[in-house]
Protein backbone atom coordinates (compact mmCIF):
# COMPACT_ATOMS: atom_id res chain seq x y z
CA MET A 1 105.43 87.04 124.18
CA ASP A 2 104.80 84.29 122.42
CA PHE A 3 100.86 85.18 120.31
CA ARG A 4 99.32 83.85 117.20
CA THR A 5 96.82 86.45 115.21
CA ALA A 6 93.67 84.64 114.61
CA CYS A 7 92.10 88.33 112.83
CA GLU A 8 92.30 91.63 112.94
CA GLU A 9 90.88 91.92 116.30
CA THR A 10 91.72 89.10 118.08
CA LYS A 11 94.96 88.24 119.72
CA THR A 12 96.41 86.13 121.90
CA GLY A 13 99.11 85.98 124.42
CA ILE A 14 101.39 84.98 127.82
CA CYS A 15 101.85 87.95 129.93
CA LEU A 16 102.39 88.75 133.79
CA LEU A 17 99.74 90.12 136.13
CA GLN A 18 100.23 92.19 139.01
CA ASP A 19 97.07 92.44 141.21
CA GLY A 20 98.02 93.86 144.13
CA ASN A 21 100.67 93.49 146.24
CA GLN A 22 100.99 89.69 145.09
CA GLU A 23 104.13 88.86 142.94
CA PRO A 24 103.56 89.04 139.05
CA PHE A 25 102.59 85.79 137.93
CA LYS A 26 101.57 84.45 134.31
CA VAL A 27 98.06 85.09 132.46
CA ARG A 28 96.92 84.61 129.66
CA LEU A 29 95.33 87.63 127.60
CA HIS A 30 92.92 87.44 124.97
CA LEU A 31 91.83 90.08 122.97
CA ALA A 32 88.38 89.67 121.13
CA LYS A 33 86.49 92.12 119.34
CA ASP A 34 84.39 93.52 122.55
CA ILE A 35 86.65 92.45 125.26
CA LEU A 36 89.81 91.66 127.35
CA MET A 37 90.22 88.30 128.81
CA ILE A 38 92.25 87.70 131.60
CA GLN A 39 92.81 84.13 132.32
CA GLU A 40 94.80 81.67 134.79
CA GLN A 41 95.44 78.20 134.96
CA ASP A 42 94.11 75.71 137.35
CA VAL A 43 93.35 71.93 137.56
CA ILE A 44 90.02 70.67 137.02
CA CYS A 45 87.87 67.30 136.99
CA VAL A 46 86.54 66.84 133.77
CA SER A 47 84.83 63.84 133.82
CA GLY A 48 81.21 64.53 133.39
CA GLU A 49 80.64 67.88 134.27
CA PRO A 50 84.17 69.49 134.98
CA PHE A 51 84.25 71.43 138.81
CA TYR A 52 87.25 72.80 141.04
CA SER A 53 88.14 71.01 143.93
CA GLY A 54 91.06 72.84 146.08
CA GLU A 55 93.28 69.15 146.97
CA ARG A 56 93.72 66.13 145.63
CA THR A 57 95.62 63.27 147.01
CA VAL A 58 97.61 61.28 144.85
CA THR A 59 99.99 57.84 145.90
CA ILE A 60 102.84 56.94 143.83
CA ARG A 61 105.32 54.93 144.48
CA ARG A 62 109.46 55.16 144.08
CA GLN A 63 110.56 53.46 141.11
CA THR A 64 114.29 51.19 141.50
CA VAL A 65 115.16 53.31 138.46
CA GLY A 66 113.56 56.70 138.43
CA GLY A 67 112.35 57.44 141.93
CA PHE A 68 109.14 59.37 141.96
CA GLY A 69 110.07 61.70 138.38
CA LEU A 70 109.41 65.29 139.75
CA SER A 71 111.41 67.97 140.71
CA ILE A 72 110.57 70.88 142.86
CA LYS A 73 110.68 74.42 143.48
CA GLY A 74 109.74 77.08 145.69
CA GLY A 75 109.58 77.12 150.17
CA ALA A 76 108.29 78.93 152.88
CA GLU A 77 111.69 80.98 152.82
CA HIS A 78 109.81 82.64 149.41
CA ASN A 79 106.58 82.87 151.53
CA ILE A 80 104.98 79.71 149.08
CA PRO A 81 105.18 76.05 149.54
CA VAL A 82 107.29 73.49 147.63
CA VAL A 83 105.66 73.27 143.86
CA ILE A 84 106.30 70.61 141.25
CA SER A 85 108.61 72.58 138.56
CA LYS A 86 109.04 69.49 136.79
CA ILE A 87 107.41 66.12 135.64
CA SER A 88 109.81 63.35 133.69
CA LYS A 89 107.69 61.82 130.66
CA GLU A 90 106.57 58.12 131.32
CA GLN A 91 107.11 58.20 135.63
CA ARG A 92 105.32 57.86 137.95
CA ALA A 93 104.12 61.36 138.58
CA GLU A 94 103.20 61.63 135.12
CA LEU A 95 101.47 58.66 134.35
CA SER A 96 99.82 58.97 137.89
CA GLY A 97 97.99 61.28 135.78
CA LEU A 98 97.03 63.00 139.70
CA LEU A 99 99.67 65.55 139.19
CA PHE A 100 100.91 69.20 137.48
CA ILE A 101 103.23 71.46 136.46
CA GLY A 102 102.21 74.19 139.50
CA ASP A 103 100.70 71.83 141.93
CA ALA A 104 101.75 72.90 145.65
CA ILE A 105 102.65 70.09 147.94
CA LEU A 106 100.70 70.52 151.16
CA GLN A 107 101.09 66.82 152.75
CA ILE A 108 103.72 64.27 152.33
CA ASN A 109 102.26 60.80 154.03
CA GLY A 110 100.30 62.87 156.52
CA ILE A 111 102.98 65.62 157.08
CA ASN A 112 101.92 69.25 157.13
CA VAL A 113 104.69 70.98 154.50
CA ARG A 114 102.79 74.36 153.81
CA LYS A 115 105.63 76.37 155.93
CA CYS A 116 108.40 74.12 155.38
CA ARG A 117 111.57 75.05 153.81
CA HIS A 118 112.78 73.61 150.41
CA GLU A 119 115.57 71.59 151.74
CA GLU A 120 113.25 70.30 154.81
CA VAL A 121 110.52 68.89 151.91
CA VAL A 122 113.35 67.63 150.04
CA GLN A 123 114.45 65.60 152.98
CA VAL A 124 110.99 64.66 154.00
CA LEU A 125 110.24 63.38 150.25
CA ARG A 126 113.72 61.04 151.06
CA ASN A 127 112.62 59.55 153.85
CA ALA A 128 109.04 58.91 152.73
CA GLY A 129 110.01 55.66 151.86
CA GLU A 130 108.84 53.39 148.74
CA GLU A 131 105.30 54.57 148.69
CA VAL A 132 104.18 58.04 149.05
CA THR A 133 100.97 59.83 149.55
CA LEU A 134 100.74 63.83 148.57
CA THR A 135 97.99 66.05 148.84
CA VAL A 136 98.31 68.42 146.36
CA SER A 137 96.62 71.79 145.02
CA PHE A 138 97.51 73.54 142.08
CA LEU A 139 98.94 77.31 142.91
CA LYS A 140 97.24 79.70 140.64
CA ARG A 141 99.19 82.27 141.02
CA ALA A 142 102.75 81.01 140.88
CA PRO A 143 105.22 83.63 141.74
CA ALA A 144 107.09 84.63 138.10
CA PHE A 145 110.38 84.40 140.14
CA LEU A 146 109.70 80.36 140.01
CA LYS A 147 110.18 80.32 136.04
CA LEU A 148 107.50 77.33 135.65
CA PRO A 149 106.73 75.89 132.67
CA LEU A 150 102.84 76.78 131.40
CA ASN A 151 102.18 72.56 130.55
CA GLU A 152 104.09 69.46 130.98
CA ASP A 153 105.30 68.72 127.36
CA CYS A 154 108.57 70.29 128.55
CA SER A 155 111.38 67.95 128.69
CA CYS A 156 113.00 67.12 131.36
CA ALA A 157 116.30 65.00 132.11
CA PRO A 158 117.14 64.90 136.16
CA SER A 159 120.25 63.50 137.77
CA ASP A 160 120.39 62.08 140.71
CA GLN A 161 120.78 64.81 143.05
CA SER A 162 119.77 62.47 146.16
CA SER A 163 123.07 64.24 148.66
CA GLY A 164 124.07 67.47 148.82
CA THR A 165 122.16 70.81 149.35
CA SER A 166 118.67 72.11 146.83
CA SER A 167 118.18 75.10 146.15
CA PRO A 168 114.56 76.42 146.15
CA LEU A 169 114.87 78.42 143.17
CA CYS A 170 116.18 75.37 140.83
CA ASP A 171 114.96 72.42 140.42
CA SER A 172 115.48 69.35 142.97
CA GLY A 173 115.27 66.43 141.05
CA LEU A 174 113.19 63.65 143.05
CA HIS A 175 114.38 60.56 140.65
CA LEU A 176 117.55 58.91 142.46
CA ASN A 177 119.60 56.21 140.02
CA TYR A 178 117.38 57.86 136.98
CA HIS A 179 117.66 55.94 133.47
CA PRO A 180 116.21 56.78 130.12
CA ASN A 181 115.53 52.63 129.38
CA ASN A 182 113.86 52.27 132.59
CA THR A 183 111.23 49.91 132.07
CA ASP A 184 109.35 49.43 135.36
CA THR A 185 106.15 49.29 135.56
CA LEU A 186 103.70 50.92 137.40
CA SER A 187 102.02 49.42 141.05
CA CYS A 188 98.22 49.83 141.05
CA SER A 189 98.60 52.24 143.99
CA SER A 190 100.51 55.02 140.96
CA TRP A 191 96.65 55.46 139.14
CA PRO A 192 94.51 57.34 140.43
CA THR A 193 91.91 56.00 143.65
CA SER A 194 88.81 56.57 141.70
CA PRO A 195 88.95 55.78 138.02
CA GLY A 196 86.40 57.52 137.51
CA LEU A 197 87.71 61.02 137.78
CA ARG A 198 90.34 62.75 135.33
CA TRP A 199 91.60 65.97 135.89
CA GLU A 200 93.31 68.81 133.08
CA LYS A 201 94.85 71.65 133.52
CA ARG A 202 93.24 74.20 131.29
CA TRP A 203 93.32 78.44 130.89
CA CYS A 204 89.95 79.70 133.29
CA ASP A 205 88.96 83.47 133.09
CA LEU A 206 90.18 85.26 135.82
CA ARG A 207 88.79 89.09 134.81
CA LEU A 208 86.93 90.07 132.23
CA ILE A 209 87.02 93.56 131.07
CA PRO A 210 84.24 95.18 128.59
CA LEU A 211 85.80 97.62 126.15
CA LEU A 212 82.77 99.76 125.21
CA HIS A 213 84.03 102.87 126.20
CA SER A 214 87.14 101.42 128.24
CA ARG A 215 90.68 103.20 128.54
CA PHE A 216 93.92 102.40 128.69
CA SER A 217 96.67 103.92 130.70
CA GLN A 218 100.87 103.34 130.93
CA TYR A 219 101.33 105.77 133.76
CA VAL A 220 101.11 105.79 137.54
CA PRO A 221 98.00 107.30 138.85
CA GLY A 222 98.76 110.40 140.22
CA THR A 223 101.73 111.08 138.67
CA ASP A 224 103.40 111.58 135.51
CA LEU A 225 105.69 108.32 135.41
CA SER A 226 105.11 105.85 132.50
CA ARG A 227 105.15 102.06 133.54
CA GLN A 228 107.99 100.44 131.27
CA ASN A 229 106.67 97.13 129.07
CA ALA A 230 103.21 97.80 130.73
CA PHE A 231 99.83 99.19 131.61
CA GLN A 232 96.35 98.63 132.91
CA VAL A 233 92.83 98.40 131.05
CA ILE A 234 90.36 100.41 133.10
CA ALA A 235 86.33 99.09 131.89
CA VAL A 236 83.85 102.22 132.42
CA ASP A 237 82.07 100.98 135.39
CA GLY A 238 85.82 100.93 136.90
CA VAL A 239 86.95 97.31 136.57
CA CYS A 240 90.31 97.17 136.52
CA SER A 241 93.01 94.48 134.57
CA GLY A 242 95.28 95.18 137.31
CA ILE A 243 98.59 95.81 136.21
CA ILE A 244 99.58 93.67 132.56
CA GLN A 245 103.27 93.43 132.18
CA CYS A 246 104.62 92.66 128.61
CA LEU A 247 108.17 91.22 128.52
CA SER A 248 109.42 93.22 125.43
CA ALA A 249 108.65 97.00 124.17
CA GLU A 250 107.61 95.42 120.86
CA ASP A 251 104.75 93.12 122.48
CA CYS A 252 103.97 96.16 124.55
CA ILE A 253 103.31 98.51 121.65
CA ASP A 254 101.46 95.64 119.67
CA TRP A 255 98.59 94.95 122.29
CA LEU A 256 97.82 98.64 122.95
CA GLN A 257 97.70 99.36 119.22
CA ALA A 258 95.47 96.40 119.00
CA ILE A 259 92.97 97.06 122.67
CA ALA A 260 93.12 100.65 120.39
CA THR A 261 91.48 99.60 117.64
CA ASN A 262 89.28 97.35 119.51
CA ILE A 263 88.18 100.39 121.17
CA SER A 264 87.86 102.74 118.43
CA ASN A 265 85.55 100.71 116.49
CA LEU A 266 83.46 99.86 119.13
CA THR A 267 83.24 104.12 119.61
CA LYS A 268 83.48 105.29 115.79
CA HIS A 269 80.16 105.66 115.75
CA ASN A 270 79.67 108.34 118.21
CA ASP A 271 82.60 111.27 117.35
CA SER A 272 81.87 112.83 120.70
CA ASP A 273 83.24 109.17 122.81
CA LEU A 274 86.62 109.99 120.80
CA LEU A 275 86.74 113.41 122.07
CA ASP A 276 87.06 112.41 125.78
CA ARG A 277 89.88 109.75 125.49
CA ARG A 278 93.20 112.66 125.55
CA LYS A 279 94.71 111.73 128.58
CA HIS A 280 94.45 115.64 130.26
CA CYS A 281 91.94 117.27 129.35
CA PHE A 282 88.81 119.70 129.57
CA THR A 283 85.94 121.59 128.30
CA VAL A 284 84.76 124.82 128.64
CA GLN A 285 81.15 125.49 128.13
CA SER A 286 80.00 129.16 126.74
CA GLU A 287 76.62 130.27 127.21
CA SER A 288 75.24 128.98 123.89
CA GLY A 289 75.69 125.79 125.23
CA GLU A 290 78.76 124.57 123.36
CA ASP A 291 81.27 122.58 124.66
CA LEU A 292 85.19 123.04 123.56
CA TYR A 293 87.68 120.80 124.23
CA PHE A 294 91.07 121.16 124.88
CA SER A 295 94.04 119.44 126.32
CA VAL A 296 97.30 119.37 127.32
CA GLU A 297 100.44 117.06 128.12
CA LEU A 298 101.37 117.01 131.57
CA GLU A 299 99.04 116.41 134.30
CA SER A 300 100.38 118.76 136.06
CA ASP A 301 99.31 121.24 133.68
CA LEU A 302 96.10 120.57 133.76
CA ALA A 303 96.33 121.55 137.79
CA GLN A 304 97.39 124.71 135.98
CA TRP A 305 94.42 125.08 134.21
CA GLU A 306 92.65 124.37 136.60
CA ARG A 307 93.56 126.77 139.28
CA ALA A 308 93.55 129.67 136.73
CA PHE A 309 90.25 128.97 135.71
CA GLN A 310 89.15 128.97 139.62
CA THR A 311 91.07 132.15 140.01
CA ALA A 312 89.72 133.92 137.52
CA THR A 313 85.79 133.01 138.41
CA PHE A 314 86.60 134.11 141.79
CA LEU A 315 88.14 137.60 140.72
CA GLU A 316 85.01 137.77 138.43
CA VAL A 317 82.42 137.49 141.26
CA GLU A 318 84.30 140.04 143.38
CA ARG A 319 84.19 142.35 140.08
CA ILE A 320 80.39 142.17 139.15
CA GLN A 321 79.20 141.26 143.11
CA CYS A 322 75.74 140.04 142.35
CA LYS A 323 73.82 138.57 139.27
CA THR A 324 70.13 138.74 138.50
CA TYR A 325 68.41 136.10 136.68
CA ALA A 326 64.27 135.68 135.77
CA CYS A 327 62.22 132.90 137.23
CA VAL A 328 58.74 131.86 137.82
CA LEU A 329 57.03 131.47 141.00
CA GLU A 330 53.79 129.83 141.36
CA SER A 331 53.05 130.88 137.50
CA HIS A 332 54.17 134.88 138.74
CA LEU A 333 57.36 136.55 136.68
CA MET A 334 60.08 137.01 139.83
CA GLY A 335 63.80 137.95 139.72
CA LEU A 336 65.82 136.14 141.81
CA THR A 337 69.73 138.10 142.48
CA ILE A 338 72.76 136.40 144.08
CA ASP A 339 74.45 139.34 145.65
CA PHE A 340 78.40 138.46 147.13
CA SER A 341 77.13 141.32 149.87
CA THR A 342 74.03 140.08 150.60
CA GLY A 343 72.86 136.58 149.44
CA PHE A 344 69.87 136.16 148.21
CA ILE A 345 66.92 137.67 146.89
CA CYS A 346 63.86 137.31 145.30
CA TYR A 347 61.71 140.10 144.21
CA ASP A 348 58.14 140.74 141.51
CA ALA A 349 59.56 141.28 138.54
CA ALA A 350 56.90 143.80 137.77
CA THR A 351 56.50 145.83 141.35
CA LYS A 352 60.19 144.99 142.50
CA ALA A 353 58.48 144.37 145.94
CA ILE A 354 61.14 141.79 147.93
CA LEU A 355 59.70 138.52 149.20
CA TRP A 356 62.45 137.26 150.70
CA ARG A 357 66.30 137.71 151.54
CA TYR A 358 68.49 135.12 153.30
CA LYS A 359 72.55 135.07 153.85
CA PHE A 360 74.42 132.31 152.17
CA SER A 361 74.81 131.40 156.24
CA GLN A 362 70.90 130.56 155.91
CA LEU A 363 71.43 128.33 153.13
CA LYS A 364 70.91 124.63 154.43
CA GLY A 365 70.55 122.76 151.49
CA SER A 366 69.04 122.86 148.05
CA SER A 367 67.81 119.98 144.98
CA ASP A 368 66.55 120.23 141.69
CA ASP A 369 65.22 118.28 139.31
CA GLY A 370 67.51 118.52 136.13
CA LYS A 371 65.55 120.07 135.00
CA SER A 372 64.33 123.43 135.40
CA LYS A 373 63.27 123.93 138.72
CA ILE A 374 65.45 124.12 142.17
CA LYS A 375 64.24 123.77 145.68
CA PHE A 376 66.09 126.34 148.52
CA LEU A 377 66.18 125.10 151.68
CA PHE A 378 66.89 128.24 154.40
CA GLN A 379 66.86 128.97 158.23
CA ASN A 380 64.82 131.15 159.62
CA PRO A 381 67.14 133.10 161.80
CA ASP A 382 64.50 133.52 164.61
CA THR A 383 62.44 130.46 164.86
CA LYS A 384 65.82 128.39 163.51
CA GLN A 385 62.91 126.56 161.29
CA ILE A 386 63.87 125.25 158.00
CA GLU A 387 61.72 127.52 154.45
CA ALA A 388 61.48 125.71 151.53
CA LYS A 389 61.69 128.11 148.52
CA GLU A 390 60.80 126.55 145.05
CA LEU A 391 61.79 128.61 141.90
CA GLU A 392 61.80 127.22 138.14
CA PHE A 393 64.93 128.31 135.45
CA SER A 394 65.03 128.66 131.71
CA ASN A 395 68.69 128.17 132.59
CA LEU A 396 69.39 125.24 134.90
CA PHE A 397 72.26 124.97 134.99
CA ALA A 398 73.35 128.35 134.64
CA VAL A 399 71.91 129.47 138.22
CA LEU A 400 74.14 126.54 139.47
CA HIS A 401 77.12 127.70 138.32
CA CYS A 402 76.37 131.32 139.37
CA ILE A 403 75.28 129.60 142.63
CA HIS A 404 78.41 127.27 143.35
CA SER A 405 80.99 130.21 141.88
CA PHE A 406 79.51 132.70 144.66
CA PHE A 407 79.71 130.62 147.44
CA ALA A 408 83.68 129.22 146.43
CA ALA A 409 84.41 132.70 145.98
CA LYS A 410 82.83 133.53 149.60
CA VAL A 411 84.58 130.86 151.17
CA ALA A 412 88.10 132.19 148.86
CA CYS A 413 87.96 135.48 150.53
CA LEU A 414 87.51 134.18 154.13
CA ASP A 415 90.43 131.47 153.63
CA PRO A 416 93.35 132.32 151.67
CA LEU A 417 94.83 128.78 151.17
CA PHE A 418 91.30 128.06 149.52
CA LEU A 419 92.16 128.35 146.51
CA GLY A 420 95.60 126.50 146.79
CA ASN A 421 93.74 123.31 148.58
CA GLN A 422 91.05 123.32 146.54
CA ALA A 423 93.46 122.56 143.04
CA THR A 424 95.38 120.01 145.06
CA ALA A 425 92.34 118.49 145.78
CA SER A 426 91.05 118.29 141.98
CA ALA A 427 94.02 117.77 140.30
CA ALA A 428 94.28 114.18 143.49
CA SER A 429 90.13 113.30 142.55
CA SER A 430 91.60 113.06 138.31
CA SER A 431 94.44 111.09 139.12
CA ALA A 432 92.38 108.41 140.86
CA THR A 433 90.13 108.90 137.88
CA THR A 434 90.70 110.55 134.72
CA SER A 435 92.44 113.77 134.36
CA LYS A 436 88.97 116.23 132.72
CA ALA A 437 87.64 119.05 134.20
CA LYS A 438 84.87 121.05 132.78
CA TYR A 439 84.17 124.74 132.91
CA THR A 440 81.63 127.68 131.79
CA THR A 441 82.06 130.64 130.59
């Protein structure tokens, strides 16, 4: 990978990017202090205000010595149009100012060649006459297997290929009797039809990944398999870079270290954020509210720990059978008992008189204010009407966790497979995002 380091926090280089099911294509990465820019090449009009155009049309005339001065690759046999792979210096194509390496040839003298095979396009160009009008569009995501140069400053020493069979992955030269001392002058049709328009190939932003609280991974999602010389960066909002493929292991390490340094510099003011940067970790929260962080090496280890915590929770519920919390109802001190056998029981703390009781199956919904209050929605077994009961607790999180644990234990007793399914589903969920889990003691 060719790159230059402008400073400690800046890095630029060429990599391959695989986005979805597309073939990998060349991109330029630019790492700044707080952002990773992924750029692709495009051709834009730079006369006046720059703008993009899907297609360009240029007319060039075949020279007696030198022909059109361009070479092509690709074709329908590779599910891509034929593209210009080389442009000879001081020849028709280069001097027209409208053709660039990476341009896909869409039409030749009005003939649609988008879905033509390589050899068919070569024959059309050979038989096009002395003057040819090409309609082209820059192929921004040219597959890497074409091995196109990134700029027009490549040396092109064409040979006469006016006969024989051409190859879609090799340059098919359309020079015809090329001679390096050719001094033919250009006809006016070789120049752009609109002299006021000037086109340039430039690097344009494809994707911007903010680095604050972002993360990167070399692993294939859902597995413990590490990609070779490849990684992806995921922003805090879920925007993903796609799979960035480096050309060597050394380059991959350099990029990962540079990105990790910038992420660390952005988040080093908050030590708690750094704790969550481990790949497979979980927290255990004590009754005092203290978070204890643990990490394991493999995702499969994390799934085992999660299943162990779930099993321990279910066994503890079966052992204690009930749990009571002090609460407030309309300024009166109450007690709420969560009983494994009977469900929810609310009683007056002073007189012990029961105000109401409901089974687990009668709880149809609940909500909380995130601070202290929980609103329960129970269904009356006789009237089938929904009855709302609102209680206020001093430790909202503990009550919610207890209710969840009792419900899960109840389901586990009825369905022996529930425990295994919960661990599997939780592991799949952590693979899709990050391998983190939280438990309460």
